[in-house]
Amino acid sequence: MNGIFIEDKRLGIPLPQLDKHWDDYSAEEQEAILLEWEAIRGLIPDRIATLERQINEKQDALGREADFARSCQLNADIAELASIINDLWIWYRISPTISFKKTAVVKSKTR
């Protein structure tokens, strides 16, 4: 969906950027958007697993770090990665559905 999903550099996935209210999209457009979102949504657990590995690496480094300033930086990095994971889980839980009114209208017209 050109222009609907824009890459979010922080999260590492494309996110929907709807330029109008959901109900203003046709049923076909809603279905295409949802299909694309489900494909993107399916990538989120792998993205989270990658970030968790990075956290584990930084925690290992933190356990060996003697320099206070570097320890602080590692802690900040870990906190940021954890924040990204939290945001990704929020996006993962978003599961929009096609507008019932629009779907009902389309179905009644096709009968």
Protein backbone atom coordinates (compact mmCIF):
# COMPACT_ATOMS: atom_id res chain seq x y z
CA MET A 1 0.00 0.00 0.00
CA ASN A 2 1.93 2.93 -1.30
CA GLY A 3 1.91 5.81 1.14
CA ILE A 4 -0.15 4.05 3.81
CA PHE A 5 2.72 2.26 5.56
CA ILE A 6 5.78 4.31 6.41
CA GLU A 7 8.99 2.78 7.82
CA ASP A 8 9.48 3.69 11.46
CA LYS A 9 13.23 3.84 11.96
CA ARG A 10 13.03 3.41 15.73
CA LEU A 11 10.78 0.36 15.68
CA GLY A 12 12.22 -1.13 12.51
CA ILE A 13 8.85 -1.83 10.90
CA PRO A 14 6.45 0.10 8.66
CA LEU A 15 3.53 1.67 10.52
CA PRO A 16 0.17 2.78 9.12
CA GLN A 17 -0.16 6.48 8.40
CA LEU A 18 -3.81 6.85 7.44
CA ASP A 19 -4.59 10.13 5.74
CA LYS A 20 -8.33 9.91 6.39
CA HIS A 21 -10.74 8.36 8.89
CA TRP A 22 -10.95 4.54 8.68
CA ASP A 23 -14.63 4.60 7.67
CA ASP A 24 -13.79 6.86 4.72
CA TYR A 25 -11.83 4.04 3.07
CA SER A 26 -13.79 1.70 0.83
CA ALA A 27 -14.25 -1.91 1.96
CA GLU A 28 -11.69 -2.96 -0.66
CA GLU A 29 -9.17 -0.40 0.60
CA GLN A 30 -9.76 -1.47 4.20
CA GLU A 31 -9.22 -5.09 3.25
CA ALA A 32 -5.98 -4.28 1.41
CA ILE A 33 -4.71 -2.21 4.35
CA LEU A 34 -5.56 -4.99 6.81
CA LEU A 35 -3.89 -7.60 4.64
CA GLU A 36 -0.71 -5.53 4.48
CA TRP A 37 -0.87 -4.84 8.24
CA GLU A 38 -1.19 -8.55 9.02
CA ALA A 39 1.95 -9.24 6.96
CA ILE A 40 3.85 -6.51 8.83
CA ARG A 41 2.38 -7.61 12.17
CA GLY A 42 3.71 -11.10 11.54
CA LEU A 43 7.25 -9.69 11.50
CA ILE A 44 6.99 -8.14 14.96
CA PRO A 45 7.83 -11.24 17.05
CA ASP A 46 11.05 -11.76 15.05
CA ARG A 47 11.94 -8.09 15.50
CA ILE A 48 11.34 -8.41 19.25
CA ALA A 49 13.52 -11.53 19.43
CA THR A 50 16.35 -9.64 17.70
CA LEU A 51 16.06 -6.78 20.19
CA GLU A 52 15.99 -9.20 23.12
CA ARG A 53 19.27 -10.73 21.90
CA GLN A 54 20.76 -7.23 21.78
CA ILE A 55 19.58 -6.60 25.34
CA ASN A 56 21.17 -9.86 26.49
CA GLU A 57 24.47 -8.92 24.83
CA LYS A 58 24.42 -5.50 26.48
CA GLN A 59 23.56 -7.02 29.87
CA ASP A 60 26.52 -9.40 29.50
CA ALA A 61 28.76 -6.46 28.63
CA LEU A 62 27.36 -4.52 31.58
CA GLY A 63 28.26 -7.37 33.92
CA ARG A 64 31.89 -7.13 32.81
CA GLU A 65 32.10 -3.33 32.56
CA ALA A 66 34.28 -1.50 35.09
CA ASP A 67 33.96 2.00 33.61
CA PHE A 68 31.06 3.89 35.23
CA ALA A 69 30.31 6.10 32.23
CA ARG A 70 30.22 3.08 29.90
CA SER A 71 27.96 1.26 32.39
CA CYS A 72 25.56 4.18 32.32
CA GLN A 73 25.52 4.13 28.52
CA LEU A 74 24.85 0.39 28.46
CA ASN A 75 21.97 0.88 30.92
CA ALA A 76 20.54 3.63 28.73
CA ASP A 77 20.85 1.41 25.63
CA ILE A 78 19.10 -1.44 27.42
CA ALA A 79 16.29 0.87 28.54
CA GLU A 80 15.81 2.16 24.99
CA LEU A 81 15.70 -1.37 23.55
CA ALA A 82 13.17 -2.38 26.21
CA SER A 83 11.07 0.66 25.33
CA ILE A 84 11.12 -0.32 21.66
CA ILE A 85 10.03 -3.85 22.57
CA ASN A 86 7.17 -2.44 24.64
CA ASP A 87 6.02 -0.27 21.72
CA LEU A 88 6.27 -3.21 19.33
CA TRP A 89 4.05 -5.32 21.61
CA ILE A 90 1.50 -2.50 21.63
CA TRP A 91 1.50 -2.43 17.82
CA TYR A 92 1.34 -6.22 17.70
CA ARG A 93 -1.85 -6.20 19.77
CA ILE A 94 -3.53 -3.75 17.39
CA SER A 95 -5.80 -5.82 15.22
CA PRO A 96 -8.25 -3.54 13.42
CA THR A 97 -11.24 -4.93 11.59
CA ILE A 98 -13.10 -3.83 8.53
CA SER A 99 -15.89 -1.42 9.36
CA PHE A 100 -19.09 -3.40 9.96
CA LYS A 101 -21.30 -0.73 8.35
CA LYS A 102 -19.23 -0.60 5.18
CA THR A 103 -19.06 -4.38 4.95
CA ALA A 104 -22.81 -4.73 5.47
CA VAL A 105 -23.51 -2.15 2.76
CA VAL A 106 -21.19 -3.86 0.29
CA LYS A 107 -22.70 -7.29 1.03
CA SER A 108 -26.26 -6.02 0.65
CA LYS A 109 -25.43 -4.44 -2.72
CA THR A 110 -23.99 -7.69 -4.06
CA ARG A 111 -27.12 -9.74 -3.24
